[in-house]
Protein backbone atom coordinates (compact mmCIF):
# COMPACT_ATOMS: atom_id res chain seq x y z
CA UNK A 1 26.16 99.14 32.80
CA UNK A 2 25.69 97.71 36.34
CA UNK A 3 29.35 96.56 36.33
CA UNK A 4 30.57 100.08 35.46
CA UNK A 5 28.39 101.62 38.19
CA UNK A 6 29.75 99.11 40.73
CA UNK A 7 33.37 99.87 39.75
CA UNK A 8 32.74 103.60 40.04
CA UNK A 9 31.10 103.13 43.44
CA UNK A 10 34.05 101.00 44.63
CA UNK A 11 36.55 103.60 43.42
CA UNK A 12 34.65 106.41 45.16
CA UNK A 13 34.38 104.37 48.36
CA UNK A 14 38.11 103.58 48.29
CA UNK A 15 38.97 107.24 47.72
CA UNK A 16 36.76 108.27 50.66
CA UNK A 17 38.39 105.67 52.92
CA UNK A 18 41.89 106.89 51.96
CA UNK A 19 40.80 110.50 52.58
CA UNK A 20 39.37 109.57 55.99
CA UNK A 21 42.57 107.75 57.03
CA UNK A 22 44.68 110.72 55.90
CA UNK A 23 42.47 113.20 57.77
CA UNK A 24 42.77 111.17 60.99
CA UNK A 25 46.51 110.51 60.81
CA UNK A 26 48.22 113.54 59.22
CA UNK A 27 47.53 117.16 58.46
CA UNK A 28 49.36 119.94 56.73
CA UNK A 29 50.60 123.11 58.38
CA UNK A 30 51.99 126.32 56.90
CA UNK A 31 54.86 127.97 58.77
CA UNK A 32 54.27 131.67 59.33
CA UNK A 33 56.97 133.93 60.71
CA UNK A 34 60.60 133.36 61.55
CA UNK A 35 60.52 131.84 65.05
CA UNK A 36 61.91 128.47 63.92
CA UNK A 37 64.75 129.64 61.63
CA UNK A 38 67.05 127.91 60.67
CA UNK A 39 65.06 124.67 61.06
CA UNK A 40 61.87 126.00 59.46
CA UNK A 41 61.20 129.15 57.46
CA UNK A 42 58.05 131.18 56.86
CA UNK A 43 56.09 129.94 53.85
CA UNK A 44 57.14 126.31 54.15
CA UNK A 45 54.46 123.63 54.30
CA UNK A 46 54.75 120.71 56.70
CA UNK A 47 53.21 117.29 57.15
CA UNK A 48 52.24 116.85 60.80
CA UNK A 49 51.83 113.34 62.23
CA UNK A 50 48.70 113.35 64.39
CA UNK A 51 48.42 109.56 64.73
CA UNK A 52 51.56 109.04 66.83
CA UNK A 53 50.18 111.37 69.50
CA UNK A 54 46.75 109.73 69.54
CA UNK A 55 45.63 109.35 73.15
CA UNK A 56 44.70 105.79 74.00
CA UNK A 57 42.32 105.12 76.90
CA UNK A 58 43.14 101.57 78.06
CA UNK A 59 40.50 101.52 80.78
CA UNK A 60 37.73 102.47 78.34
CA UNK A 61 38.90 99.81 75.90
CA UNK A 62 38.93 97.17 78.67
CA UNK A 63 35.22 97.83 79.26
CA UNK A 64 34.56 96.95 75.60
CA UNK A 65 36.78 93.84 75.51
CA UNK A 66 35.31 91.29 77.95
CA UNK A 67 38.46 89.23 78.56
CA UNK A 68 40.87 92.15 79.13
CA UNK A 69 41.12 94.30 82.24
CA UNK A 70 43.26 97.42 82.42
CA UNK A 71 43.94 99.37 85.58
CA UNK A 72 42.24 102.72 85.90
CA UNK A 73 44.60 105.23 84.38
CA UNK A 74 44.68 108.45 82.47
CA UNK A 75 44.62 108.18 78.67
CA UNK A 76 48.14 107.95 77.33
CA UNK A 77 49.82 108.43 73.97
CA UNK A 78 49.52 105.31 71.82
CA UNK A 79 53.07 105.66 70.47
CA UNK A 80 54.76 107.62 73.24
CA UNK A 81 54.63 111.25 74.33
CA UNK A 82 56.51 114.12 72.67
CA UNK A 83 60.23 113.94 73.35
CA UNK A 84 62.75 116.64 74.08
CA UNK A 85 64.09 118.12 70.87
CA UNK A 86 61.08 117.21 68.73
CA UNK A 87 59.33 119.90 66.71
CA UNK A 88 55.59 119.89 67.36
CA UNK A 89 52.48 121.77 66.27
CA UNK A 90 50.06 122.79 69.01
CA UNK A 91 47.10 125.05 69.72
CA UNK A 92 48.41 128.28 71.24
CA UNK A 93 47.33 128.20 74.92
CA UNK A 94 46.24 131.86 74.98
CA UNK A 95 44.21 131.58 71.76
CA UNK A 96 43.47 127.92 70.90
CA UNK A 97 42.14 128.82 67.45
CA UNK A 98 45.77 129.57 66.43
CA UNK A 99 48.35 126.86 65.85
CA UNK A 100 52.06 127.32 66.58
CA UNK A 101 55.14 125.26 65.74
CA UNK A 102 58.00 125.08 68.28
CA UNK A 103 60.62 122.71 69.70
CA UNK A 104 60.04 120.75 72.94
CA UNK A 105 62.74 121.52 75.54
CA UNK A 106 60.96 120.66 78.81
CA UNK A 107 58.94 117.56 79.68
CA UNK A 108 56.26 116.95 82.34
CA UNK A 109 57.61 117.17 85.88
CA UNK A 110 60.87 118.88 84.91
CA UNK A 111 62.08 122.29 86.05
CA UNK A 112 63.10 124.63 83.22
CA UNK A 113 64.95 127.93 83.39
CA UNK A 114 66.55 130.16 80.74
CA UNK A 115 69.59 132.24 81.71
CA UNK A 116 71.46 134.40 79.22
CA UNK A 117 69.93 132.39 76.37
CA UNK A 118 70.94 129.00 77.78
CA UNK A 119 68.21 126.51 78.69
CA UNK A 120 68.64 124.58 81.94
CA UNK A 121 66.53 121.50 82.65
CA UNK A 122 66.58 120.32 86.26
CA UNK A 123 69.71 122.46 86.73
CA UNK A 124 71.69 120.93 83.83
CA UNK A 125 72.50 122.87 80.67
CA UNK A 126 70.56 121.62 77.65
CA UNK A 127 72.75 120.97 74.61
CA UNK A 128 71.04 122.41 71.54
CA UNK A 129 72.98 121.61 68.35
CA UNK A 130 70.11 122.86 66.17
CA UNK A 131 70.67 126.51 67.23
CA UNK A 132 72.70 128.80 64.99
CA UNK A 133 73.10 131.40 67.72
CA UNK A 134 71.89 132.04 71.22
CA UNK A 135 70.30 135.20 72.48
CA UNK A 136 70.53 136.75 75.92
CA UNK A 137 66.97 136.03 77.03
CA UNK A 138 65.98 134.95 80.50
CA UNK A 139 62.96 133.10 81.82
CA UNK A 140 62.29 132.31 85.46
CA UNK A 141 62.45 128.84 86.94
CA UNK A 142 59.26 126.92 86.10
CA UNK A 143 58.32 123.43 87.25
CA UNK A 144 56.07 121.72 84.74
CA UNK A 145 52.98 119.87 85.90
CA UNK A 146 52.26 116.28 84.90
CA UNK A 147 50.80 117.11 81.49
CA UNK A 148 52.74 120.23 80.48
CA UNK A 149 55.53 120.84 77.97
CA UNK A 150 57.96 123.74 77.66
CA UNK A 151 58.46 124.82 74.03
CA UNK A 152 60.82 127.36 72.46
CA UNK A 153 61.45 128.49 68.88
CA UNK A 154 64.88 127.91 67.36
CA UNK A 155 65.18 131.62 66.51
CA UNK A 156 65.22 132.70 70.15
CA UNK A 157 65.43 136.42 69.36
CA UNK A 158 62.17 136.30 67.44
CA UNK A 159 60.00 133.66 69.12
CA UNK A 160 56.82 133.98 71.14
CA UNK A 161 57.00 130.82 73.25
CA UNK A 162 56.89 129.29 76.74
CA UNK A 163 59.37 131.87 78.01
CA UNK A 164 56.61 134.48 77.59
CA UNK A 165 53.32 132.63 78.18
CA UNK A 166 54.22 129.42 80.01
CA UNK A 167 53.82 125.72 79.26
CA UNK A 168 51.72 123.98 76.61
CA UNK A 169 49.07 121.63 78.04
CA UNK A 170 49.22 118.09 76.65
CA UNK A 171 45.68 118.41 75.27
CA UNK A 172 46.79 121.32 73.04
CA UNK A 173 49.36 119.25 71.14
CA UNK A 174 48.31 118.48 67.56
CA UNK A 175 51.24 116.37 66.37
CA UNK A 176 54.90 115.95 65.48
CA UNK A 177 56.39 117.58 62.39
CA UNK A 178 57.35 114.78 59.98
CA UNK A 179 58.23 116.43 56.72
CA UNK A 180 58.80 119.74 54.96
CA UNK A 181 57.05 119.24 51.61
CA UNK A 182 56.95 122.71 50.06
CA UNK A 183 58.73 124.43 48.41
CA UNK A 184 60.10 121.48 46.45
CA UNK A 185 63.75 122.45 46.91
CA UNK A 186 63.27 122.38 50.73
CA UNK A 187 61.79 118.87 50.95
CA UNK A 188 63.23 117.01 53.92
CA UNK A 189 62.24 114.57 56.63
CA UNK A 190 62.38 115.92 60.15
CA UNK A 191 64.54 113.45 62.02
CA UNK A 192 65.95 113.38 65.49
CA UNK A 193 67.28 116.74 66.67
C-alpha cells in the first residue's frame, strides 16, 4: 500500500506542477464582438502566450547573483516587446477589469495618425494586408510615450480602440495571441501578420 500511495502522490504533484506552469505561461481568452473580423470572430477561443511578454528585471537579478552586475535599468520583456502587426490581449485602460484583443500598429516613441481609414506611422503609410476593407475614420496625431502602444481592431468600422481612448500602457498587456483553438474547424496558429 505505501508504494501505491507514493505513486498517487507523485502523480498529483506532477499534475499540480504542470497546472502551475500552464497558469504562468498561457491563458485562454474568448473573443467577444466583431472588432477583429476577419482575423478573429466572436465566440472563438484563443490561447494567449503570457510567458513571452514576461518582464525581466536584470538589476534585481544581479543583486541575487553575486558574480553578475547589471546596469540599473527598467524591467524589460524577456523575449522582446510586442511588435507591429501582432495581435495582443490587454487590460482595457479605461476599465482594467475588462480584457480586449486588438492589433498593434504603433510602438513606443512613434507618432501615429489615422486619416480616411489609413494608418500613418511617423508620416509613412502603414501597409495592412490583414484588412479586408478600410473605413473612413480619422484619429489625430498622437506621439506615444516610452511604454505605450497604439492598437486597432481589424474591423475598423466596429472597433473601440486607441483611436477613441488612446494608447495602451505596457503594464496592461497580458500576452500575444498564439492560437485559435475553438471551434475545432477554426483551429489555426497566429503567425506573422
